[in-house]
N, C-alpha and C. Protein backbone atom coordinates (compact mmCIF):
# COMPACT_ATOMS: atom_id res chain seq x y z
N MET A 1 150.43 -74.71 49.69
CA MET A 1 151.08 -74.62 48.37
C MET A 1 150.01 -74.41 47.29
N ASN A 2 150.38 -73.73 46.23
CA ASN A 2 149.46 -73.54 45.12
C ASN A 2 150.14 -73.95 43.82
N ASN A 3 149.44 -73.77 42.75
CA ASN A 3 149.96 -74.20 41.44
C ASN A 3 150.69 -73.10 40.69
N ASN A 4 150.97 -71.99 41.35
CA ASN A 4 151.71 -70.91 40.69
C ASN A 4 153.16 -71.29 40.54
N LYS A 5 153.65 -71.30 39.34
CA LYS A 5 155.04 -71.68 39.08
C LYS A 5 155.93 -70.44 39.08
N ASP A 6 157.18 -70.67 39.42
CA ASP A 6 158.15 -69.58 39.44
C ASP A 6 158.64 -69.36 38.01
N VAL A 7 157.92 -68.53 37.27
CA VAL A 7 158.23 -68.34 35.84
C VAL A 7 159.48 -67.51 35.64
N THR A 8 159.95 -66.84 36.68
CA THR A 8 161.15 -66.00 36.54
C THR A 8 162.43 -66.79 36.76
N PHE A 9 162.30 -68.00 37.30
CA PHE A 9 163.50 -68.80 37.57
C PHE A 9 163.91 -69.53 36.31
N GLN A 10 165.18 -69.42 35.93
CA GLN A 10 165.64 -69.90 34.63
C GLN A 10 166.16 -71.33 34.63
N SER A 11 166.32 -71.95 35.82
CA SER A 11 166.83 -73.30 35.86
C SER A 11 165.78 -74.28 35.33
N THR A 12 166.15 -75.08 34.35
CA THR A 12 165.18 -76.00 33.76
C THR A 12 164.77 -77.08 34.74
N LYS A 13 165.65 -77.48 35.64
CA LYS A 13 165.32 -78.54 36.59
C LYS A 13 164.39 -78.06 37.69
N ARG A 14 164.43 -76.76 38.01
CA ARG A 14 163.60 -76.24 39.09
C ARG A 14 162.48 -75.35 38.55
N GLN A 15 162.32 -75.30 37.25
CA GLN A 15 161.33 -74.42 36.64
C GLN A 15 159.92 -74.76 37.09
N ASP A 16 159.66 -76.03 37.32
CA ASP A 16 158.30 -76.46 37.63
C ASP A 16 158.01 -76.49 39.13
N ARG A 17 158.91 -75.94 39.96
CA ARG A 17 158.67 -75.98 41.39
C ARG A 17 157.44 -75.14 41.75
N ILE A 18 156.72 -75.59 42.78
CA ILE A 18 155.50 -74.92 43.21
C ILE A 18 155.83 -73.96 44.35
N LEU A 19 155.32 -72.74 44.24
CA LEU A 19 155.60 -71.73 45.25
C LEU A 19 154.65 -71.89 46.44
N PRO A 20 155.10 -71.52 47.66
CA PRO A 20 154.20 -71.54 48.82
C PRO A 20 153.13 -70.48 48.67
N GLU A 21 151.98 -70.71 49.30
CA GLU A 21 150.89 -69.75 49.20
C GLU A 21 151.29 -68.42 49.84
N ASP A 22 152.02 -68.47 50.94
CA ASP A 22 152.47 -67.27 51.64
C ASP A 22 154.00 -67.26 51.63
N SER A 23 154.59 -66.64 50.62
CA SER A 23 156.04 -66.65 50.49
C SER A 23 156.72 -65.96 51.67
N PHE A 24 156.15 -64.83 52.12
CA PHE A 24 156.75 -64.12 53.25
C PHE A 24 156.65 -64.94 54.53
N GLY A 25 155.50 -65.55 54.75
CA GLY A 25 155.33 -66.41 55.93
C GLY A 25 156.29 -67.58 55.90
N ASP A 26 156.50 -68.16 54.71
CA ASP A 26 157.44 -69.27 54.57
C ASP A 26 158.86 -68.81 54.90
N TRP A 27 159.22 -67.61 54.42
CA TRP A 27 160.56 -67.08 54.70
C TRP A 27 160.75 -66.83 56.18
N LYS A 28 159.74 -66.27 56.86
CA LYS A 28 159.84 -66.00 58.30
C LYS A 28 159.95 -67.30 59.09
N TRP A 29 159.26 -68.34 58.64
CA TRP A 29 159.33 -69.62 59.31
C TRP A 29 160.72 -70.22 59.19
N ARG A 30 161.29 -70.14 58.00
CA ARG A 30 162.64 -70.65 57.81
C ARG A 30 163.67 -69.80 58.55
N GLU A 31 163.44 -68.51 58.64
CA GLU A 31 164.33 -67.64 59.40
C GLU A 31 164.31 -68.02 60.88
N GLY A 32 163.13 -68.35 61.39
CA GLY A 32 163.03 -68.78 62.78
C GLY A 32 163.80 -70.06 63.04
N LEU A 33 163.75 -71.00 62.09
CA LEU A 33 164.52 -72.24 62.23
C LEU A 33 166.02 -71.96 62.20
N ALA A 34 166.43 -71.03 61.33
CA ALA A 34 167.85 -70.66 61.25
C ALA A 34 168.31 -70.05 62.57
N GLU A 35 167.45 -69.26 63.21
CA GLU A 35 167.79 -68.68 64.50
C GLU A 35 167.96 -69.76 65.56
N LEU A 36 167.15 -70.80 65.49
CA LEU A 36 167.26 -71.91 66.43
C LEU A 36 168.51 -72.75 66.18
N MET A 37 169.01 -72.71 64.94
CA MET A 37 170.20 -73.47 64.61
C MET A 37 171.47 -72.89 65.24
N VAL A 38 171.50 -71.57 65.41
CA VAL A 38 172.72 -70.90 65.87
C VAL A 38 173.26 -71.47 67.17
N PRO A 39 172.47 -71.58 68.26
CA PRO A 39 173.04 -72.13 69.51
C PRO A 39 173.40 -73.61 69.40
N ILE A 40 172.66 -74.36 68.58
CA ILE A 40 172.97 -75.79 68.42
C ILE A 40 174.30 -75.96 67.72
N VAL A 41 174.50 -75.19 66.64
CA VAL A 41 175.78 -75.24 65.91
C VAL A 41 176.93 -74.85 66.82
N GLY A 42 176.74 -73.80 67.63
CA GLY A 42 177.78 -73.36 68.54
C GLY A 42 178.11 -74.39 69.60
N GLY A 43 177.09 -75.03 70.15
CA GLY A 43 177.32 -76.06 71.15
C GLY A 43 178.05 -77.27 70.60
N LEU A 44 177.67 -77.71 69.42
CA LEU A 44 178.35 -78.84 68.79
C LEU A 44 179.80 -78.48 68.47
N TYR A 45 180.02 -77.25 68.03
CA TYR A 45 181.38 -76.82 67.69
C TYR A 45 182.29 -76.84 68.91
N ARG A 46 181.78 -76.38 70.04
CA ARG A 46 182.59 -76.40 71.26
C ARG A 46 182.88 -77.82 71.73
N ASP A 47 182.07 -78.77 71.26
CA ASP A 47 182.33 -80.18 71.56
C ASP A 47 183.19 -80.85 70.50
N GLY A 48 183.62 -80.08 69.50
CA GLY A 48 184.52 -80.62 68.49
C GLY A 48 183.86 -81.04 67.19
N VAL A 49 182.58 -80.68 66.99
CA VAL A 49 181.87 -81.07 65.77
C VAL A 49 181.57 -79.82 64.95
N ASN A 50 182.12 -79.74 63.75
CA ASN A 50 181.94 -78.60 62.86
C ASN A 50 180.81 -78.91 61.87
N ILE A 51 179.75 -78.11 61.91
CA ILE A 51 178.59 -78.33 61.05
C ILE A 51 178.74 -77.54 59.75
N LEU A 52 178.52 -78.22 58.62
CA LEU A 52 178.67 -77.61 57.30
C LEU A 52 177.38 -77.75 56.50
N ILE A 53 177.26 -76.91 55.48
CA ILE A 53 176.25 -77.10 54.43
C ILE A 53 176.96 -76.93 53.10
N TYR A 54 177.09 -78.03 52.40
CA TYR A 54 177.80 -78.05 51.11
C TYR A 54 179.19 -77.43 51.24
N GLY A 55 179.90 -77.81 52.28
CA GLY A 55 181.27 -77.38 52.48
C GLY A 55 181.43 -76.05 53.19
N LYS A 56 180.34 -75.32 53.43
CA LYS A 56 180.42 -74.02 54.11
C LYS A 56 180.10 -74.21 55.59
N SER A 57 181.03 -73.81 56.45
CA SER A 57 180.82 -73.95 57.89
C SER A 57 179.75 -72.99 58.37
N LEU A 58 178.90 -73.47 59.29
CA LEU A 58 177.85 -72.63 59.87
C LEU A 58 178.27 -72.03 61.21
N VAL A 59 179.50 -72.29 61.63
CA VAL A 59 179.99 -71.78 62.91
C VAL A 59 180.12 -70.26 62.84
N ASN A 60 179.62 -69.59 63.88
CA ASN A 60 179.68 -68.14 63.99
C ASN A 60 178.95 -67.42 62.86
N GLN A 61 177.97 -68.09 62.26
CA GLN A 61 177.19 -67.48 61.20
C GLN A 61 175.85 -66.97 61.75
N SER A 62 175.38 -65.87 61.20
CA SER A 62 174.09 -65.32 61.60
C SER A 62 172.96 -66.13 60.96
N PRO A 63 171.72 -65.97 61.44
CA PRO A 63 170.59 -66.68 60.81
C PRO A 63 170.48 -66.40 59.31
N VAL A 64 170.68 -65.13 58.91
CA VAL A 64 170.59 -64.80 57.48
C VAL A 64 171.70 -65.48 56.70
N GLU A 65 172.90 -65.56 57.26
CA GLU A 65 174.01 -66.24 56.57
C GLU A 65 173.74 -67.73 56.46
N ILE A 66 173.09 -68.31 57.46
CA ILE A 66 172.72 -69.73 57.39
C ILE A 66 171.70 -69.94 56.28
N MET A 67 170.76 -69.02 56.15
CA MET A 67 169.78 -69.11 55.06
C MET A 67 170.45 -68.97 53.70
N ARG A 68 171.46 -68.12 53.62
CA ARG A 68 172.19 -67.96 52.36
C ARG A 68 172.94 -69.24 52.01
N ALA A 69 173.45 -69.94 53.02
CA ALA A 69 174.14 -71.20 52.76
C ALA A 69 173.17 -72.22 52.17
N HIS A 70 171.94 -72.24 52.66
CA HIS A 70 170.92 -73.14 52.10
C HIS A 70 170.58 -72.74 50.66
N ARG A 71 170.48 -71.44 50.42
CA ARG A 71 170.18 -70.98 49.06
C ARG A 71 171.30 -71.35 48.10
N PHE A 72 172.55 -71.25 48.56
CA PHE A 72 173.69 -71.66 47.72
C PHE A 72 173.57 -73.13 47.35
N ALA A 73 173.18 -73.97 48.33
CA ALA A 73 173.02 -75.40 48.05
C ALA A 73 171.92 -75.63 47.02
N ARG A 74 170.82 -74.89 47.13
CA ARG A 74 169.72 -75.06 46.17
C ARG A 74 170.16 -74.67 44.76
N GLN A 75 170.87 -73.55 44.66
CA GLN A 75 171.25 -73.06 43.34
C GLN A 75 172.37 -73.87 42.71
N SER A 76 173.27 -74.40 43.53
CA SER A 76 174.41 -75.12 42.98
C SER A 76 174.07 -76.56 42.62
N ASP A 77 173.07 -77.13 43.28
CA ASP A 77 172.77 -78.54 43.06
C ASP A 77 171.36 -78.77 42.54
N ASN A 78 170.64 -77.68 42.23
CA ASN A 78 169.29 -77.80 41.68
C ASN A 78 168.39 -78.68 42.54
N ASN A 79 168.40 -78.42 43.85
CA ASN A 79 167.54 -79.18 44.74
C ASN A 79 166.64 -78.22 45.51
N GLU A 80 165.83 -78.76 46.42
CA GLU A 80 164.92 -77.95 47.21
C GLU A 80 165.30 -77.98 48.68
N LEU A 81 166.61 -78.01 48.98
CA LEU A 81 167.08 -78.06 50.36
C LEU A 81 166.73 -76.76 51.07
N SER A 82 166.13 -76.89 52.25
CA SER A 82 165.81 -75.72 53.06
C SER A 82 166.03 -76.05 54.52
N GLU A 83 165.82 -75.05 55.37
CA GLU A 83 165.98 -75.23 56.82
C GLU A 83 164.97 -76.24 57.35
N LEU A 84 163.87 -76.43 56.64
CA LEU A 84 162.86 -77.40 57.07
C LEU A 84 163.39 -78.83 57.03
N GLU A 85 164.36 -79.09 56.14
CA GLU A 85 164.95 -80.43 56.06
C GLU A 85 166.17 -80.59 56.96
N THR A 86 166.96 -79.53 57.11
CA THR A 86 168.21 -79.66 57.87
C THR A 86 168.03 -79.50 59.37
N PHE A 87 167.00 -78.77 59.80
CA PHE A 87 166.82 -78.53 61.23
C PHE A 87 166.58 -79.82 62.02
N PRO A 88 165.69 -80.72 61.57
CA PRO A 88 165.53 -81.97 62.33
C PRO A 88 166.81 -82.81 62.40
N ILE A 89 167.65 -82.73 61.36
CA ILE A 89 168.93 -83.43 61.40
C ILE A 89 169.82 -82.83 62.47
N LEU A 90 169.87 -81.52 62.51
CA LEU A 90 170.70 -80.83 63.51
C LEU A 90 170.19 -81.11 64.92
N GLN A 91 168.89 -81.13 65.08
CA GLN A 91 168.31 -81.43 66.39
C GLN A 91 168.74 -82.81 66.88
N TYR A 92 168.70 -83.79 65.99
CA TYR A 92 169.06 -85.15 66.39
C TYR A 92 170.56 -85.26 66.68
N LEU A 93 171.37 -84.58 65.88
CA LEU A 93 172.82 -84.60 66.12
C LEU A 93 173.15 -84.06 67.50
N ASP A 94 172.35 -83.09 67.97
CA ASP A 94 172.60 -82.48 69.27
C ASP A 94 172.37 -83.45 70.42
N THR A 95 171.67 -84.54 70.16
CA THR A 95 171.40 -85.53 71.21
C THR A 95 172.44 -86.65 71.25
N LEU A 96 173.34 -86.67 70.27
CA LEU A 96 174.30 -87.76 70.15
C LEU A 96 175.65 -87.39 70.76
N LYS A 97 176.41 -88.39 71.10
CA LYS A 97 177.79 -88.21 71.54
C LYS A 97 178.67 -88.53 70.33
N ILE A 98 179.28 -87.49 69.77
CA ILE A 98 179.99 -87.63 68.51
C ILE A 98 181.45 -87.24 68.69
N ALA A 99 182.34 -88.01 68.07
CA ALA A 99 183.77 -87.69 68.10
C ALA A 99 184.03 -86.45 67.26
N ASP A 100 185.18 -85.83 67.47
CA ASP A 100 185.55 -84.63 66.71
C ASP A 100 185.52 -84.92 65.21
N CYS A 101 184.77 -84.12 64.48
CA CYS A 101 184.65 -84.35 63.03
C CYS A 101 183.92 -83.17 62.39
N GLU A 102 183.77 -83.24 61.08
CA GLU A 102 182.96 -82.29 60.34
C GLU A 102 181.77 -83.04 59.75
N ILE A 103 180.58 -82.46 59.87
CA ILE A 103 179.37 -83.11 59.38
C ILE A 103 178.65 -82.14 58.45
N ASP A 104 178.40 -82.57 57.23
CA ASP A 104 177.69 -81.75 56.25
C ASP A 104 176.21 -82.13 56.29
N ILE A 105 175.40 -81.31 56.97
CA ILE A 105 173.99 -81.65 57.11
C ILE A 105 173.25 -81.46 55.79
N GLY A 106 173.80 -80.67 54.88
CA GLY A 106 173.19 -80.54 53.57
C GLY A 106 173.26 -81.84 52.79
N GLU A 107 174.43 -82.44 52.77
CA GLU A 107 174.59 -83.71 52.06
C GLU A 107 173.82 -84.82 52.75
N LEU A 108 173.79 -84.80 54.09
CA LEU A 108 173.01 -85.80 54.81
C LEU A 108 171.54 -85.73 54.43
N ALA A 109 171.01 -84.51 54.34
CA ALA A 109 169.60 -84.33 54.01
C ALA A 109 169.31 -84.80 52.59
N ILE A 110 170.15 -84.40 51.64
CA ILE A 110 169.92 -84.74 50.23
C ILE A 110 169.94 -86.25 50.02
N ARG A 111 170.83 -86.96 50.73
CA ARG A 111 170.94 -88.41 50.54
C ARG A 111 169.88 -89.20 51.29
N PHE A 112 169.11 -88.52 52.15
CA PHE A 112 168.07 -89.23 52.89
C PHE A 112 167.04 -89.78 51.90
N PRO A 113 166.71 -91.07 51.99
CA PRO A 113 165.81 -91.69 51.00
C PRO A 113 164.46 -90.99 50.86
N ASN A 114 163.95 -90.44 51.96
CA ASN A 114 162.64 -89.78 51.93
C ASN A 114 162.79 -88.26 51.98
N PHE A 115 163.80 -87.75 51.26
CA PHE A 115 164.11 -86.32 51.32
C PHE A 115 162.92 -85.45 50.90
N ASN A 116 162.20 -85.84 49.88
CA ASN A 116 161.11 -85.02 49.36
C ASN A 116 160.00 -84.80 50.38
N ASN A 117 159.87 -85.72 51.34
CA ASN A 117 158.83 -85.59 52.36
C ASN A 117 159.40 -85.34 53.75
N LEU A 118 160.70 -85.01 53.81
CA LEU A 118 161.36 -84.88 55.11
C LEU A 118 160.75 -83.77 55.96
N LYS A 119 160.33 -82.68 55.33
CA LYS A 119 159.77 -81.56 56.10
C LYS A 119 158.45 -81.93 56.78
N LYS A 120 157.78 -82.95 56.26
CA LYS A 120 156.51 -83.37 56.85
C LYS A 120 156.62 -84.67 57.63
N ASP A 121 157.56 -85.52 57.22
CA ASP A 121 157.67 -86.84 57.85
C ASP A 121 159.15 -87.18 58.05
N SER A 122 159.60 -87.15 59.31
CA SER A 122 161.00 -87.43 59.62
C SER A 122 161.21 -88.83 60.17
N SER A 123 160.21 -89.68 59.99
CA SER A 123 160.35 -91.06 60.47
C SER A 123 161.48 -91.75 59.71
N GLY A 124 162.29 -92.49 60.43
CA GLY A 124 163.42 -93.19 59.84
C GLY A 124 164.67 -92.33 59.77
N LEU A 125 164.57 -91.06 60.14
CA LEU A 125 165.73 -90.16 60.05
C LEU A 125 166.81 -90.55 61.05
N SER A 126 166.42 -90.89 62.26
CA SER A 126 167.41 -91.24 63.29
C SER A 126 168.19 -92.50 62.90
N ASP A 127 167.50 -93.49 62.36
CA ASP A 127 168.20 -94.71 61.93
C ASP A 127 169.15 -94.41 60.78
N TYR A 128 168.72 -93.55 59.88
CA TYR A 128 169.56 -93.17 58.74
C TYR A 128 170.83 -92.47 59.21
N ILE A 129 170.69 -91.53 60.13
CA ILE A 129 171.86 -90.79 60.63
C ILE A 129 172.78 -91.72 61.42
N ASP A 130 172.19 -92.59 62.24
CA ASP A 130 173.01 -93.55 63.00
C ASP A 130 173.86 -94.40 62.07
N ASN A 131 173.29 -94.78 60.94
CA ASN A 131 174.02 -95.61 59.98
C ASN A 131 175.08 -94.80 59.24
N GLU A 132 174.74 -93.58 58.83
CA GLU A 132 175.67 -92.74 58.08
C GLU A 132 176.86 -92.30 58.94
N LEU A 133 176.63 -92.08 60.23
CA LEU A 133 177.69 -91.56 61.11
C LEU A 133 178.15 -92.60 62.12
N SER A 134 178.02 -93.85 61.77
CA SER A 134 178.39 -94.93 62.71
C SER A 134 179.87 -94.89 63.09
N SER A 135 180.70 -94.30 62.23
CA SER A 135 182.15 -94.27 62.50
C SER A 135 182.53 -93.21 63.54
N VAL A 136 181.61 -92.30 63.87
CA VAL A 136 181.94 -91.24 64.84
C VAL A 136 180.98 -91.19 66.02
N ILE A 137 179.88 -91.90 65.96
CA ILE A 137 178.92 -91.88 67.07
C ILE A 137 179.41 -92.79 68.19
N ASP A 138 179.38 -92.27 69.41
CA ASP A 138 179.82 -93.00 70.60
C ASP A 138 181.28 -93.43 70.50
N ILE A 139 182.07 -92.65 69.78
CA ILE A 139 183.50 -92.90 69.66
C ILE A 139 184.24 -91.78 70.41
N LYS A 140 185.23 -92.16 71.20
CA LYS A 140 185.99 -91.17 71.95
C LYS A 140 186.94 -90.41 71.03
N SER A 141 186.94 -89.10 71.16
CA SER A 141 187.81 -88.26 70.33
C SER A 141 189.27 -88.46 70.71
N ASP A 142 190.12 -88.55 69.70
CA ASP A 142 191.55 -88.73 69.93
C ASP A 142 192.22 -87.35 70.01
N ARG A 143 192.00 -86.67 71.12
CA ARG A 143 192.56 -85.34 71.30
C ARG A 143 193.90 -85.42 72.01
N PRO A 144 194.81 -84.49 71.72
CA PRO A 144 196.10 -84.47 72.43
C PRO A 144 195.91 -84.15 73.90
N ALA A 145 196.87 -84.57 74.72
CA ALA A 145 196.76 -84.34 76.16
C ALA A 145 196.73 -82.86 76.48
N LYS A 146 197.46 -82.07 75.72
CA LYS A 146 197.45 -80.62 75.93
C LYS A 146 197.57 -79.93 74.58
N PRO A 147 197.01 -78.75 74.44
CA PRO A 147 197.08 -78.04 73.15
C PRO A 147 198.48 -77.56 72.86
N LYS A 148 198.77 -77.42 71.58
CA LYS A 148 200.07 -76.92 71.15
C LYS A 148 200.07 -75.40 71.13
N ASP A 149 201.05 -74.81 71.81
CA ASP A 149 201.17 -73.35 71.84
C ASP A 149 201.71 -72.84 70.51
N ILE A 150 201.12 -71.78 70.01
CA ILE A 150 201.52 -71.21 68.73
C ILE A 150 201.83 -69.72 68.91
N VAL A 151 202.97 -69.31 68.38
CA VAL A 151 203.34 -67.89 68.34
C VAL A 151 203.30 -67.45 66.88
N LEU A 152 202.50 -66.43 66.60
CA LEU A 152 202.35 -65.94 65.23
C LEU A 152 203.32 -64.79 64.97
N TYR A 153 204.13 -64.93 63.91
CA TYR A 153 205.10 -63.89 63.56
C TYR A 153 204.48 -62.98 62.51
N GLY A 154 204.24 -61.74 62.90
CA GLY A 154 203.66 -60.76 61.98
C GLY A 154 202.18 -60.58 62.21
N PHE A 155 201.71 -59.34 62.12
CA PHE A 155 200.29 -59.06 62.33
C PHE A 155 199.79 -58.05 61.29
N GLY A 156 200.20 -58.28 60.05
CA GLY A 156 199.70 -57.46 58.96
C GLY A 156 198.37 -58.00 58.48
N ARG A 157 198.05 -57.78 57.22
CA ARG A 157 196.77 -58.23 56.68
C ARG A 157 196.63 -59.74 56.74
N ILE A 158 197.67 -60.44 56.32
CA ILE A 158 197.64 -61.91 56.36
C ILE A 158 197.67 -62.41 57.79
N GLY A 159 198.49 -61.77 58.64
CA GLY A 159 198.56 -62.19 60.03
C GLY A 159 197.24 -62.07 60.74
N ARG A 160 196.52 -60.98 60.48
CA ARG A 160 195.20 -60.80 61.10
C ARG A 160 194.21 -61.84 60.59
N LEU A 161 194.31 -62.16 59.29
CA LEU A 161 193.42 -63.16 58.72
C LEU A 161 193.70 -64.54 59.33
N VAL A 162 194.98 -64.89 59.46
CA VAL A 162 195.34 -66.17 60.07
C VAL A 162 194.88 -66.23 61.52
N THR A 163 195.06 -65.12 62.25
CA THR A 163 194.63 -65.07 63.64
C THR A 163 193.13 -65.29 63.76
N ARG A 164 192.36 -64.63 62.89
CA ARG A 164 190.91 -64.78 62.91
C ARG A 164 190.52 -66.23 62.61
N MET A 165 191.17 -66.84 61.63
CA MET A 165 190.86 -68.22 61.28
C MET A 165 191.21 -69.18 62.42
N MET A 166 192.34 -68.93 63.09
CA MET A 166 192.74 -69.80 64.19
C MET A 166 191.75 -69.70 65.36
N ILE A 167 191.32 -68.48 65.65
CA ILE A 167 190.37 -68.29 66.74
C ILE A 167 189.04 -68.95 66.41
N GLN A 168 188.59 -68.79 65.16
CA GLN A 168 187.32 -69.36 64.75
C GLN A 168 187.35 -70.88 64.68
N ASN A 169 188.54 -71.47 64.52
CA ASN A 169 188.65 -72.91 64.37
C ASN A 169 189.27 -73.60 65.59
N THR A 170 189.26 -72.90 66.72
CA THR A 170 189.82 -73.50 67.93
C THR A 170 188.99 -74.68 68.40
N GLY A 171 187.66 -74.60 68.22
CA GLY A 171 186.78 -75.69 68.62
C GLY A 171 186.85 -75.96 70.10
N PRO A 172 187.09 -77.20 70.51
CA PRO A 172 187.14 -77.52 71.94
C PRO A 172 188.38 -76.99 72.63
N GLY A 173 189.35 -76.48 71.86
CA GLY A 173 190.56 -75.90 72.45
C GLY A 173 191.61 -76.89 72.85
N ASN A 174 191.51 -78.13 72.39
CA ASN A 174 192.47 -79.17 72.78
C ASN A 174 193.61 -79.35 71.79
N TYR A 175 193.55 -78.70 70.65
CA TYR A 175 194.54 -78.94 69.61
C TYR A 175 195.62 -77.85 69.57
N TYR A 176 195.26 -76.62 69.60
CA TYR A 176 196.25 -75.54 69.60
C TYR A 176 195.65 -74.30 70.23
N ARG A 177 196.54 -73.44 70.71
CA ARG A 177 196.12 -72.16 71.27
C ARG A 177 197.12 -71.08 70.85
N LEU A 178 196.59 -69.98 70.41
CA LEU A 178 197.44 -68.85 70.03
C LEU A 178 197.89 -68.14 71.30
N ARG A 179 199.21 -68.23 71.58
CA ARG A 179 199.74 -67.70 72.82
C ARG A 179 200.27 -66.27 72.68
N ALA A 180 200.85 -65.93 71.55
CA ALA A 180 201.44 -64.60 71.39
C ALA A 180 201.52 -64.25 69.92
N ILE A 181 201.60 -62.95 69.66
CA ILE A 181 201.75 -62.43 68.30
C ILE A 181 202.99 -61.56 68.25
N PHE A 182 203.87 -61.86 67.31
CA PHE A 182 205.15 -61.17 67.15
C PHE A 182 204.99 -60.10 66.07
N THR A 183 205.07 -58.83 66.43
CA THR A 183 204.94 -57.76 65.45
C THR A 183 206.32 -57.28 65.00
N LYS A 184 206.35 -56.46 63.97
CA LYS A 184 207.62 -55.98 63.43
C LYS A 184 208.40 -55.16 64.46
N GLU A 185 207.69 -54.43 65.29
CA GLU A 185 208.35 -53.62 66.30
C GLU A 185 209.13 -54.47 67.30
N GLN A 186 208.69 -55.74 67.42
CA GLN A 186 209.35 -56.65 68.36
C GLN A 186 210.44 -57.48 67.69
N ALA A 187 210.62 -57.29 66.39
CA ALA A 187 211.55 -58.12 65.64
C ALA A 187 212.99 -57.68 65.89
N SER A 188 213.48 -57.89 67.06
CA SER A 188 214.85 -57.59 67.43
C SER A 188 215.33 -58.67 68.38
N TYR A 189 216.63 -58.69 68.65
CA TYR A 189 217.15 -59.70 69.56
C TYR A 189 216.50 -59.59 70.94
N LEU A 190 216.29 -58.35 71.39
CA LEU A 190 215.65 -58.16 72.67
C LEU A 190 214.22 -58.67 72.65
N GLY A 191 213.52 -58.43 71.53
CA GLY A 191 212.15 -58.91 71.40
C GLY A 191 212.09 -60.42 71.38
N ILE A 192 213.03 -61.04 70.64
CA ILE A 192 213.06 -62.50 70.58
C ILE A 192 213.34 -63.09 71.95
N LEU A 193 214.27 -62.49 72.68
CA LEU A 193 214.58 -62.95 74.03
C LEU A 193 213.36 -62.84 74.93
N PHE A 194 212.63 -61.73 74.78
CA PHE A 194 211.43 -61.53 75.59
C PHE A 194 210.39 -62.60 75.29
N MET A 195 210.21 -62.93 74.02
CA MET A 195 209.22 -63.94 73.65
C MET A 195 209.60 -65.31 74.17
N VAL A 196 210.89 -65.65 74.10
CA VAL A 196 211.35 -66.94 74.63
C VAL A 196 211.09 -67.02 76.12
N LEU A 197 211.45 -65.96 76.84
CA LEU A 197 211.21 -65.94 78.28
C LEU A 197 209.72 -66.02 78.60
N LEU A 198 208.91 -65.38 77.77
CA LEU A 198 207.46 -65.43 77.98
C LEU A 198 206.94 -66.85 77.81
N MET A 199 207.41 -67.55 76.78
CA MET A 199 206.97 -68.93 76.55
C MET A 199 207.42 -69.83 77.69
N VAL A 200 208.64 -69.64 78.18
CA VAL A 200 209.13 -70.44 79.31
C VAL A 200 208.29 -70.18 80.54
N LEU A 201 207.93 -68.91 80.76
CA LEU A 201 207.11 -68.56 81.91
C LEU A 201 205.72 -69.18 81.82
N LEU A 202 205.15 -69.15 80.62
CA LEU A 202 203.83 -69.75 80.43
C LEU A 202 203.86 -71.24 80.68
N GLU A 203 204.92 -71.89 80.21
CA GLU A 203 205.05 -73.33 80.42
C GLU A 203 205.20 -73.64 81.90
N TRP A 204 205.98 -72.83 82.62
CA TRP A 204 206.18 -73.04 84.06
C TRP A 204 204.88 -72.85 84.81
N MET A 205 204.11 -71.83 84.42
CA MET A 205 202.84 -71.56 85.08
C MET A 205 201.85 -72.68 84.84
N LYS A 206 201.87 -73.27 83.63
CA LYS A 206 200.98 -74.40 83.36
C LYS A 206 201.35 -75.62 84.20
N LYS A 207 202.64 -75.90 84.29
CA LYS A 207 203.09 -77.06 85.07
C LYS A 207 202.74 -76.91 86.54
N ASN A 208 202.75 -75.69 87.03
CA ASN A 208 202.45 -75.43 88.43
C ASN A 208 200.99 -75.02 88.65
N ARG A 209 200.19 -75.23 87.59
CA ARG A 209 198.75 -74.98 87.66
C ARG A 209 198.44 -73.56 88.11
N LEU A 210 199.21 -72.63 87.63
CA LEU A 210 198.97 -71.23 87.92
C LEU A 210 198.29 -70.52 86.76
N LEU A 211 198.07 -71.24 85.68
CA LEU A 211 197.47 -70.67 84.47
C LEU A 211 196.28 -71.49 84.05
């Protein structure tokens, strides 16, 4: 780090921040951490844990999008949150058995008592996380015995958006599954009869372990 201040930044609270000596090297280092976050976020999500940064989900996000989420947190809350602070939190979360929930690693990092030195010294971080997430650590998830089948009526602009959101938020797959999509061409008595028969067939196949 050097004493060069970011004179182009207009925020009064962050005006005096010190720039890294090698800005490009710092960016590449943080990009590498974001790349390492992708598989961890995906693994936690499949286990029912949705990772957020200031309310923005990191699921199915690219490394650059993860970096943008960190930048949004810095600009919206006038802090110095970066991948250097959130990555050790994510690493530790990956070692825990956590019930289905959403965890905002941005807020966890900001509230850490030693946040300013977290990138250099993570001592006490595990105890802090254990205390903050005591309500979900080593707790069995209350998942339904079987997912609820959903038939979506319509596949226009909104229908496609809903479908994409449902697929992205399936998580462990124990809560709901999109079984069929009803389009306008199928909106007839014959189409409705076909869909009912299809649902009955799917249910029969599940009961007989054929699906």
